[in-house]
Amino acid sequence: MIINGNKHPKNITTVYEHQTKNNNKLDLYIDINRVGFIDYKIKDELLKKIYINQISIDAYYQKNGLGTYLINCLKKEFNTIALLSVSKNMNKFYYSLL
């Protein structure tokens, strides 16, 4: 459960995984609104290794643990998660979860 700016609780309703042309995507919905996603590429299916290309959470919903929630969803499925491109903020965020 997260609390929005008006202090009304909202529940995560759906985490939807699907493939795009070259990557996989994990979308996060609250009610009917897509509020974030992780775009990733499977590097090795046998070893369960992936690379995260991009993670994004709508600015309105940031600082509620939703990025962490998405990363944890991937950690349940994959043994090794690495970052394909690393920005300073993404690097701090990701390594705080390990």
Protein backbone atom coordinates (compact mmCIF):
# COMPACT_ATOMS: atom_id res chain seq x y z
CA MET A 1 0.00 0.00 0.00
CA ILE A 2 1.22 3.51 -0.78
CA ILE A 3 -0.06 6.88 0.32
CA ASN A 4 -0.62 9.52 -2.32
CA GLY A 5 -0.26 13.28 -1.85
CA ASN A 6 -3.80 13.55 -0.44
CA LYS A 7 -3.03 10.87 2.18
CA HIS A 8 -5.43 8.41 0.61
CA PRO A 9 -4.13 4.82 0.57
CA LYS A 10 -3.74 3.20 -2.82
CA ASN A 11 -2.99 -0.43 -3.58
CA ILE A 12 -0.83 -1.87 -6.31
CA THR A 13 -3.31 -3.67 -8.49
CA THR A 14 -1.22 -5.24 -11.25
CA VAL A 15 2.32 -6.10 -12.17
CA TYR A 16 2.20 -7.04 -15.84
CA GLU A 17 5.13 -8.70 -17.60
CA HIS A 18 5.38 -8.73 -21.39
CA GLN A 19 7.86 -8.67 -24.26
CA THR A 20 8.62 -5.75 -26.54
CA LYS A 21 10.53 -6.14 -29.81
CA ASN A 22 13.96 -6.59 -28.22
CA ASN A 23 13.37 -6.57 -24.45
CA ASN A 24 11.09 -7.59 -21.65
CA LYS A 25 9.04 -5.17 -19.65
CA LEU A 26 7.51 -5.25 -16.19
CA ASP A 27 4.71 -2.67 -15.86
CA LEU A 28 3.29 -1.51 -12.54
CA TYR A 29 -0.32 -0.37 -12.23
CA ILE A 30 -2.19 1.33 -9.42
CA ASP A 31 -5.89 1.10 -10.06
CA ILE A 32 -6.03 1.45 -13.87
CA ASN A 33 -3.04 3.79 -14.19
CA ARG A 34 0.40 2.61 -15.27
CA VAL A 35 2.70 4.31 -12.79
CA GLY A 36 6.03 2.69 -13.59
CA PHE A 37 7.99 0.07 -15.44
CA ILE A 38 11.29 -1.75 -15.74
CA ASP A 39 12.67 -2.51 -19.20
CA TYR A 40 15.17 -5.40 -19.15
CA LYS A 41 16.95 -7.88 -21.38
CA ILE A 42 17.52 -11.53 -20.55
CA LYS A 43 21.23 -12.16 -21.00
CA ASP A 44 21.28 -15.85 -20.06
CA GLU A 45 18.07 -17.82 -19.51
CA LEU A 46 19.85 -20.84 -18.06
CA LEU A 47 21.73 -18.79 -15.46
CA LYS A 48 18.74 -16.47 -14.98
CA LYS A 49 20.81 -13.36 -15.67
CA ILE A 50 19.29 -10.07 -16.82
CA TYR A 51 20.35 -6.51 -17.57
CA ILE A 52 18.10 -3.60 -16.65
CA ASN A 53 17.92 -1.04 -19.46
CA GLN A 54 15.59 1.42 -17.78
CA ILE A 55 13.47 1.85 -14.68
CA SER A 56 10.90 4.60 -14.40
CA ILE A 57 8.31 5.61 -11.80
CA ASP A 58 5.85 8.45 -12.41
CA ALA A 59 7.03 11.53 -10.49
CA TYR A 60 3.73 11.68 -8.57
CA TYR A 61 4.39 8.20 -7.12
CA GLN A 62 8.12 8.44 -6.47
CA LYS A 63 9.51 8.01 -2.94
CA ASN A 64 6.90 5.36 -2.11
CA GLY A 65 9.06 2.27 -2.62
CA LEU A 66 7.65 1.37 -6.02
CA GLY A 67 11.03 1.14 -7.74
CA THR A 68 12.18 -1.16 -4.95
CA TYR A 69 8.99 -3.17 -5.36
CA LEU A 70 9.69 -3.70 -9.09
CA ILE A 71 13.32 -4.68 -8.47
CA ASN A 72 12.16 -7.17 -5.82
CA CYS A 73 9.72 -8.70 -8.33
CA LEU A 74 12.66 -9.35 -10.65
CA LYS A 75 14.81 -10.70 -7.81
CA LYS A 76 12.20 -13.44 -7.27
CA GLU A 77 12.65 -14.64 -10.86
CA PHE A 78 16.32 -14.02 -11.65
CA ASN A 79 19.62 -14.89 -9.96
CA THR A 80 21.74 -12.07 -11.38
CA ILE A 81 20.54 -8.55 -12.10
CA ALA A 82 22.90 -6.00 -13.59
CA LEU A 83 22.52 -2.52 -14.99
CA LEU A 84 23.07 -2.01 -18.70
CA SER A 85 23.70 1.72 -18.43
CA VAL A 86 24.43 3.35 -15.12
CA SER A 87 23.59 6.89 -14.13
CA LYS A 88 24.81 8.16 -10.78
CA ASN A 89 21.30 8.20 -9.22
CA MET A 90 20.36 4.80 -10.64
CA ASN A 91 23.62 3.34 -9.35
CA LYS A 92 22.95 4.59 -5.79
CA PHE A 93 19.36 3.35 -5.90
CA TYR A 94 20.15 -0.10 -7.24
CA TYR A 95 23.10 -0.84 -4.97
CA SER A 96 21.09 0.22 -1.93
CA LEU A 97 18.81 -2.76 -2.64
CA LEU A 98 21.54 -5.42 -2.58
